[in-house]
């Protein structure tokens, strides 16, 4: 029973890692976090550019949305 559980847990970890790599894109993360106040107005934003450099402005709140974009390889 423990062997089956360990095997299932290992396969689940591989699936999660594969999904995370697919979301990252070909050359880098490309992520955008948009932060909202309680009324839904945008109060801040944070991003990770394709080359890995971070950029942010405004206020960070517990209400946020995450977006991803594909990073094209450099020519």
PDB file of N, CA and C in Angstrom:
ATOM      1  N   UNK A   1       0.820  -1.191   0.000  1.00  0.00           N
ATOM      2  CA  UNK A   1       0.000   0.000   0.000  1.00  0.00           C
ATOM      3  C   UNK A   1       0.863   1.253   0.000  1.00  0.00           C
ATOM      4  N   UNK A   2       1.917   1.239   0.808  1.00  0.00           N
ATOM      5  CA  UNK A   2       2.794   2.409   0.871  1.00  0.00           C
ATOM      6  C   UNK A   2       3.529   2.629  -0.441  1.00  0.00           C
ATOM      7  N   UNK A   3       3.886   1.548  -1.127  1.00  0.00           N
ATOM      8  CA  UNK A   3       4.577   1.670  -2.411  1.00  0.00           C
ATOM      9  C   UNK A   3       3.663   2.334  -3.441  1.00  0.00           C
ATOM     10  N   UNK A   4       2.396   1.959  -3.444  1.00  0.00           N
ATOM     11  CA  UNK A   4       1.440   2.554  -4.383  1.00  0.00           C
ATOM     12  C   UNK A   4       1.247   4.034  -4.084  1.00  0.00           C
ATOM     13  N   UNK A   5       1.170   4.377  -2.798  1.00  0.00           N
ATOM     14  CA  UNK A   5       1.018   5.771  -2.401  1.00  0.00           C
ATOM     15  C   UNK A   5       2.243   6.587  -2.813  1.00  0.00           C
ATOM     16  N   UNK A   6       3.433   6.048  -2.573  1.00  0.00           N
ATOM     17  CA  UNK A   6       4.664   6.743  -2.935  1.00  0.00           C
ATOM     18  C   UNK A   6       4.768   6.913  -4.451  1.00  0.00           C
ATOM     19  N   UNK A   7       4.389   5.905  -5.201  1.00  0.00           N
ATOM     20  CA  UNK A   7       4.417   5.988  -6.655  1.00  0.00           C
ATOM     21  C   UNK A   7       3.427   7.050  -7.148  1.00  0.00           C
ATOM     22  N   UNK A   8       2.234   7.056  -6.593  1.00  0.00           N
ATOM     23  CA  UNK A   8       1.232   8.058  -6.968  1.00  0.00           C
ATOM     24  C   UNK A   8       1.685   9.460  -6.626  1.00  0.00           C
ATOM     25  N   UNK A   9       2.292   9.626  -5.469  1.00  0.00           N
ATOM     26  CA  UNK A   9       2.808  10.926  -5.057  1.00  0.00           C
ATOM     27  C   UNK A   9       3.935  11.380  -5.977  1.00  0.00           C
ATOM     28  N   UNK A  10       4.796  10.481  -6.374  1.00  0.00           N
ATOM     29  CA  UNK A  10       5.886  10.814  -7.292  1.00  0.00           C
ATOM     30  C   UNK A  10       5.368  11.221  -8.658  1.00  0.00           C
ATOM     31  N   UNK A  11       4.382  10.503  -9.173  1.00  0.00           N
ATOM     32  CA  UNK A  11       3.796  10.847 -10.468  1.00  0.00           C
ATOM     33  C   UNK A  11       3.087  12.195 -10.415  1.00  0.00           C
ATOM     34  N   UNK A  12       2.415  12.484  -9.315  1.00  0.00           N
ATOM     35  CA  UNK A  12       1.753  13.783  -9.156  1.00  0.00           C
ATOM     36  C   UNK A  12       2.782  14.906  -9.137  1.00  0.00           C
ATOM     37  N   UNK A  13       3.909  14.704  -8.469  1.00  0.00           N
ATOM     38  CA  UNK A  13       4.964  15.723  -8.424  1.00  0.00           C
ATOM     39  C   UNK A  13       5.537  15.973  -9.818  1.00  0.00           C
ATOM     40  N   UNK A  14       5.705  14.934 -10.595  1.00  0.00           N
ATOM     41  CA  UNK A  14       6.212  15.091 -11.968  1.00  0.00           C
ATOM     42  C   UNK A  14       5.212  15.873 -12.819  1.00  0.00           C
ATOM     43  N   UNK A  15       3.933  15.590 -12.654  1.00  0.00           N
ATOM     44  CA  UNK A  15       2.899  16.297 -13.419  1.00  0.00           C
ATOM     45  C   UNK A  15       2.872  17.777 -13.055  1.00  0.00           C
ATOM     46  N   UNK A  16       2.991  18.088 -11.771  1.00  0.00           N
ATOM     47  CA  UNK A  16       3.000  19.487 -11.332  1.00  0.00           C
ATOM     48  C   UNK A  16       4.226  20.204 -11.878  1.00  0.00           C
ATOM     49  N   UNK A  17       5.367  19.581 -11.840  1.00  0.00           N
ATOM     50  CA  UNK A  17       6.592  20.200 -12.360  1.00  0.00           C
ATOM     51  C   UNK A  17       6.482  20.440 -13.859  1.00  0.00           C
ATOM     52  N   UNK A  18       5.905  19.514 -14.586  1.00  0.00           N
ATOM     53  CA  UNK A  18       5.722  19.683 -16.030  1.00  0.00           C
ATOM     54  C   UNK A  18       4.789  20.824 -16.348  1.00  0.00           C
ATOM     55  N   UNK A  19       3.699  20.946 -15.596  1.00  0.00           N
ATOM     56  CA  UNK A  19       2.757  22.039 -15.816  1.00  0.00           C
ATOM     57  C   UNK A  19       3.408  23.380 -15.497  1.00  0.00           C
ATOM     58  N   UNK A  20       4.216  23.449 -14.456  1.00  0.00           N
ATOM     59  CA  UNK A  20       4.904  24.695 -14.108  1.00  0.00           C
ATOM     60  C   UNK A  20       5.885  25.097 -15.196  1.00  0.00           C
ATOM     61  N   UNK A  21       6.619  24.143 -15.747  1.00  0.00           N
ATOM     62  CA  UNK A  21       7.564  24.462 -16.818  1.00  0.00           C
ATOM     63  C   UNK A  21       6.833  24.925 -18.070  1.00  0.00           C
ATOM     64  N   UNK A  22       5.691  24.360 -18.356  1.00  0.00           N
ATOM     65  CA  UNK A  22       4.920  24.778 -19.528  1.00  0.00           C
ATOM     66  C   UNK A  22       4.404  26.197 -19.362  1.00  0.00           C
ATOM     67  N   UNK A  23       4.067  26.597 -18.141  1.00  0.00           N
ATOM     68  CA  UNK A  23       3.552  27.948 -17.902  1.00  0.00           C
ATOM     69  C   UNK A  23       4.647  28.997 -17.985  1.00  0.00           C
ATOM     70  N   UNK A  24       5.891  28.599 -17.730  1.00  0.00           N
ATOM     71  CA  UNK A  24       6.984  29.562 -17.737  1.00  0.00           C
ATOM     72  C   UNK A  24       7.278  30.067 -19.134  1.00  0.00           C
ATOM     73  N   UNK A  25       7.149  29.262 -20.119  1.00  0.00           N
ATOM     74  CA  UNK A  25       7.432  29.694 -21.476  1.00  0.00           C
ATOM     75  C   UNK A  25       8.832  29.294 -21.901  1.00  0.00           C
ATOM     76  N   UNK A  26       9.183  29.598 -23.151  1.00  0.00           N
ATOM     77  CA  UNK A  26      10.427  29.088 -23.702  1.00  0.00           C
ATOM     78  C   UNK A  26      11.699  29.678 -23.111  1.00  0.00           C
ATOM     79  N   UNK A  27      11.727  30.941 -22.730  1.00  0.00           N
ATOM     80  CA  UNK A  27      12.996  31.512 -22.265  1.00  0.00           C
ATOM     81  C   UNK A  27      12.921  32.164 -20.902  1.00  0.00           C
ATOM     82  N   UNK A  28      11.780  32.342 -20.317  1.00  0.00           N
ATOM     83  CA  UNK A  28      11.719  32.994 -19.022  1.00  0.00           C
ATOM     84  C   UNK A  28      10.311  33.068 -18.486  1.00  0.00           C
ATOM     85  N   UNK A  29      10.184  33.625 -17.288  1.00  0.00           N
ATOM     86  CA  UNK A  29       8.897  33.588 -16.626  1.00  0.00           C
ATOM     87  C   UNK A  29       7.823  34.462 -17.251  1.00  0.00           C
ATOM     88  N   UNK A  30       7.981  35.701 -17.539  1.00  0.00           N
ATOM     89  CA  UNK A  30       6.930  36.525 -18.107  1.00  0.00           C
ATOM     90  C   UNK A  30       5.652  36.509 -17.286  1.00  0.00           C
ATOM     91  N   UNK A  31       5.661  37.111 -16.089  1.00  0.00           N
ATOM     92  CA  UNK A  31       4.516  37.115 -15.192  1.00  0.00           C
ATOM     93  C   UNK A  31       4.116  38.548 -14.853  1.00  0.00           C
ATOM     94  N   UNK A  32       2.812  38.761 -14.696  1.00  0.00           N
ATOM     95  CA  UNK A  32       2.297  40.069 -14.286  1.00  0.00           C
ATOM     96  C   UNK A  32       1.309  39.855 -13.146  1.00  0.00           C
ATOM     97  N   UNK A  33       1.514  40.553 -12.039  1.00  0.00           N
ATOM     98  CA  UNK A  33       0.600  40.539 -10.904  1.00  0.00           C
ATOM     99  C   UNK A  33      -0.059  41.911 -10.834  1.00  0.00           C
ATOM    100  N   UNK A  34      -1.379  41.951 -10.844  1.00  0.00           N
ATOM    101  CA  UNK A  34      -2.114  43.207 -10.722  1.00  0.00           C
ATOM    102  C   UNK A  34      -2.855  43.184  -9.397  1.00  0.00           C
ATOM    103  N   UNK A  35      -2.658  44.245  -8.581  1.00  0.00           N
ATOM    104  CA  UNK A  35      -3.223  44.314  -7.239  1.00  0.00           C
ATOM    105  C   UNK A  35      -4.416  45.265  -7.223  1.00  0.00           C
ATOM    106  N   UNK A  36      -5.480  44.866  -6.482  1.00  0.00           N
ATOM    107  CA  UNK A  36      -6.732  45.623  -6.431  1.00  0.00           C
ATOM    108  C   UNK A  36      -7.077  45.981  -4.988  1.00  0.00           C
ATOM    109  N   UNK A  37      -7.781  47.124  -4.816  1.00  0.00           N
ATOM    110  CA  UNK A  37      -8.299  47.457  -3.493  1.00  0.00           C
ATOM    111  C   UNK A  37      -9.646  46.755  -3.307  1.00  0.00           C
ATOM    112  N   UNK A  38     -10.321  47.043  -2.202  1.00  0.00           N
ATOM    113  CA  UNK A  38     -11.578  46.355  -1.896  1.00  0.00           C
ATOM    114  C   UNK A  38     -12.703  46.702  -2.870  1.00  0.00           C
ATOM    115  N   UNK A  39     -12.590  47.822  -3.579  1.00  0.00           N
ATOM    116  CA  UNK A  39     -13.625  48.204  -4.546  1.00  0.00           C
ATOM    117  C   UNK A  39     -13.318  47.686  -5.955  1.00  0.00           C
ATOM    118  N   UNK A  40     -12.159  47.068  -6.148  1.00  0.00           N
ATOM    119  CA  UNK A  40     -11.795  46.523  -7.449  1.00  0.00           C
ATOM    120  C   UNK A  40     -10.934  47.436  -8.294  1.00  0.00           C
ATOM    121  N   UNK A  41     -10.539  48.583  -7.741  1.00  0.00           N
ATOM    122  CA  UNK A  41      -9.674  49.506  -8.476  1.00  0.00           C
ATOM    123  C   UNK A  41      -8.230  49.014  -8.422  1.00  0.00           C
ATOM    124  N   UNK A  42      -7.501  49.181  -9.519  1.00  0.00           N
ATOM    125  CA  UNK A  42      -6.093  48.780  -9.572  1.00  0.00           C
ATOM    126  C   UNK A  42      -5.275  49.737  -8.711  1.00  0.00           C
ATOM    127  N   UNK A  43      -4.496  49.187  -7.780  1.00  0.00           N
ATOM    128  CA  UNK A  43      -3.665  50.008  -6.901  1.00  0.00           C
ATOM    129  C   UNK A  43      -2.180  49.690  -7.019  1.00  0.00           C
ATOM    130  N   UNK A  44      -1.819  48.679  -7.803  1.00  0.00           N
ATOM    131  CA  UNK A  44      -0.413  48.335  -7.965  1.00  0.00           C
ATOM    132  C   UNK A  44      -0.218  47.230  -8.980  1.00  0.00           C
ATOM    133  N   UNK A  45       1.023  47.088  -9.378  1.00  0.00           N
ATOM    134  CA  UNK A  45       1.356  46.033 -10.336  1.00  0.00           C
ATOM    135  C   UNK A  45       2.809  45.624 -10.120  1.00  0.00           C
ATOM    136  N   UNK A  46       3.065  44.358 -10.319  1.00  0.00           N
ATOM    137  CA  UNK A  46       4.406  43.804 -10.214  1.00  0.00           C
ATOM    138  C   UNK A  46       4.589  42.855 -11.384  1.00  0.00           C
ATOM    139  N   UNK A  47       5.756  42.880 -12.003  1.00  0.00           N
ATOM    140  CA  UNK A  47       5.990  41.983 -13.129  1.00  0.00           C
ATOM    141  C   UNK A  47       7.399  41.428 -13.090  1.00  0.00           C
ATOM    142  N   UNK A  48       7.552  40.296 -13.725  1.00  0.00           N
ATOM    143  CA  UNK A  48       8.855  39.687 -13.930  1.00  0.00           C
ATOM    144  C   UNK A  48       9.022  39.585 -15.436  1.00  0.00           C
ATOM    145  N   UNK A  49       9.958  40.331 -15.965  1.00  0.00           N
ATOM    146  CA  UNK A  49      10.174  40.373 -17.407  1.00  0.00           C
ATOM    147  C   UNK A  49      10.813  39.073 -17.899  1.00  0.00           C
ATOM    148  N   UNK A  50      10.827  38.903 -19.192  1.00  0.00           N
ATOM    149  CA  UNK A  50      11.358  37.680 -19.784  1.00  0.00           C
ATOM    150  C   UNK A  50      12.819  37.424 -19.422  1.00  0.00           C
ATOM    151  N   UNK A  51      13.582  38.485 -19.187  1.00  0.00           N
ATOM    152  CA  UNK A  51      14.988  38.299 -18.825  1.00  0.00           C
ATOM    153  C   UNK A  51      15.174  38.100 -17.324  1.00  0.00           C
ATOM    154  N   UNK A  52      14.059  38.051 -16.576  1.00  0.00           N
ATOM    155  CA  UNK A  52      14.122  37.780 -15.142  1.00  0.00           C
ATOM    156  C   UNK A  52      14.171  39.008 -14.262  1.00  0.00           C
ATOM    157  N   UNK A  53      14.218  40.218 -14.829  1.00  0.00           N
ATOM    158  CA  UNK A  53      14.265  41.423 -14.014  1.00  0.00           C
ATOM    159  C   UNK A  53      12.874  41.785 -13.502  1.00  0.00           C
ATOM    160  N   UNK A  54      12.785  42.133 -12.216  1.00  0.00           N
ATOM    161  CA  UNK A  54      11.499  42.510 -11.638  1.00  0.00           C
ATOM    162  C   UNK A  54      11.216  44.007 -11.817  1.00  0.00           C
ATOM    163  N   UNK A  55       9.943  44.359 -11.824  1.00  0.00           N
ATOM    164  CA  UNK A  55       9.516  45.754 -11.876  1.00  0.00           C
ATOM    165  C   UNK A  55       8.205  45.844 -11.107  1.00  0.00           C
ATOM    166  N   UNK A  56       8.031  46.917 -10.328  1.00  0.00           N
ATOM    167  CA  UNK A  56       6.792  47.057  -9.578  1.00  0.00           C
ATOM    168  C   UNK A  56       6.486  48.522  -9.300  1.00  0.00           C
ATOM    169  N   UNK A  57       5.216  48.787  -9.017  1.00  0.00           N
ATOM    170  CA  UNK A  57       4.768  50.111  -8.623  1.00  0.00           C
ATOM    171  C   UNK A  57       3.499  49.962  -7.788  1.00  0.00           C
ATOM    172  N   UNK A  58       3.187  50.966  -6.995  1.00  0.00           N
ATOM    173  CA  UNK A  58       1.942  51.006  -6.239  1.00  0.00           C
ATOM    174  C   UNK A  58       1.959  50.191  -4.972  1.00  0.00           C
ATOM    175  N   UNK A  59       0.768  49.809  -4.562  1.00  0.00           N
ATOM    176  CA  UNK A  59       0.549  49.101  -3.305  1.00  0.00           C
ATOM    177  C   UNK A  59       0.221  47.641  -3.575  1.00  0.00           C
ATOM    178  N   UNK A  60       0.767  46.750  -2.771  1.00  0.00           N
ATOM    179  CA  UNK A  60       0.472  45.325  -2.888  1.00  0.00           C
ATOM    180  C   UNK A  60      -0.617  44.971  -1.883  1.00  0.00           C
ATOM    181  N   UNK A  61      -1.645  44.279  -2.341  1.00  0.00           N
ATOM    182  CA  UNK A  61      -2.754  43.888  -1.478  1.00  0.00           C
ATOM    183  C   UNK A  61      -2.974  42.387  -1.566  1.00  0.00           C
ATOM    184  N   UNK A  62      -3.887  41.904  -0.725  1.00  0.00           N
ATOM    185  CA  UNK A  62      -4.207  40.472  -0.756  1.00  0.00           C
ATOM    186  C   UNK A  62      -5.101  40.120  -1.941  1.00  0.00           C
ATOM    187  N   UNK A  63      -5.699  41.123  -2.585  1.00  0.00           N
ATOM    188  CA  UNK A  63      -6.544  40.904  -3.761  1.00  0.00           C
ATOM    189  C   UNK A  63      -5.708  41.138  -5.011  1.00  0.00           C
ATOM    190  N   UNK A  64      -5.418  40.074  -5.746  1.00  0.00           N
ATOM    191  CA  UNK A  64      -4.585  40.228  -6.933  1.00  0.00           C
ATOM    192  C   UNK A  64      -4.947  39.205  -7.992  1.00  0.00           C
ATOM    193  N   UNK A  65      -4.535  39.501  -9.204  1.00  0.00           N
ATOM    194  CA  UNK A  65      -4.682  38.577 -10.315  1.00  0.00           C
ATOM    195  C   UNK A  65      -3.315  38.343 -10.928  1.00  0.00           C
ATOM    196  N   UNK A  66      -3.113  37.157 -11.468  1.00  0.00           N
ATOM    197  CA  UNK A  66      -1.823  36.794 -12.051  1.00  0.00           C
ATOM    198  C   UNK A  66      -2.019  36.514 -13.535  1.00  0.00           C
ATOM    199  N   UNK A  67      -1.132  37.064 -14.344  1.00  0.00           N
ATOM    200  CA  UNK A  67      -1.149  36.796 -15.776  1.00  0.00           C
ATOM    201  C   UNK A  67       0.222  36.327 -16.229  1.00  0.00           C
ATOM    202  N   UNK A  68       0.251  35.570 -17.299  1.00  0.00           N
ATOM    203  CA  UNK A  68       1.504  35.050 -17.843  1.00  0.00           C
ATOM    204  C   UNK A  68       1.574  35.387 -19.320  1.00  0.00           C
ATOM    205  N   UNK A  69       2.753  35.532 -19.836  1.00  0.00           N
ATOM    206  CA  UNK A  69       2.924  35.690 -21.265  1.00  0.00           C
ATOM    207  C   UNK A  69       4.143  34.915 -21.712  1.00  0.00           C
ATOM    208  N   UNK A  70       4.118  34.501 -22.968  1.00  0.00           N
ATOM    209  CA  UNK A  70       5.229  33.730 -23.515  1.00  0.00           C
ATOM    210  C   UNK A  70       6.378  34.665 -23.873  1.00  0.00           C
ATOM    211  N   UNK A  71       7.558  34.233 -23.595  1.00  0.00           N
ATOM    212  CA  UNK A  71       8.762  35.003 -23.907  1.00  0.00           C
ATOM    213  C   UNK A  71       9.383  34.419 -25.178  1.00  0.00           C
ATOM    214  N   UNK A  72       9.480  35.231 -26.201  1.00  0.00           N
ATOM    215  CA  UNK A  72      10.091  34.799 -27.452  1.00  0.00           C
ATOM    216  C   UNK A  72      11.589  34.695 -27.291  1.00  0.00           C
ATOM    217  N   UNK A  73      12.209  33.691 -27.866  1.00  0.00           N
ATOM    218  CA  UNK A  73      13.666  33.618 -27.831  1.00  0.00           C
ATOM    219  C   UNK A  73      14.275  34.782 -28.621  1.00  0.00           C
ATOM    220  N   UNK A  74      15.420  35.256 -28.162  1.00  0.00           N
ATOM    221  CA  UNK A  74      16.080  36.340 -28.867  1.00  0.00           C
ATOM    222  C   UNK A  74      16.574  35.857 -30.234  1.00  0.00           C
ATOM    223  N   UNK A  75      16.480  36.738 -31.255  1.00  0.00           N
ATOM    224  CA  UNK A  75      16.906  36.314 -32.609  1.00  0.00           C
ATOM    225  C   UNK A  75      18.401  36.087 -32.714  1.00  0.00           C
TER     226      UNK A  75
END
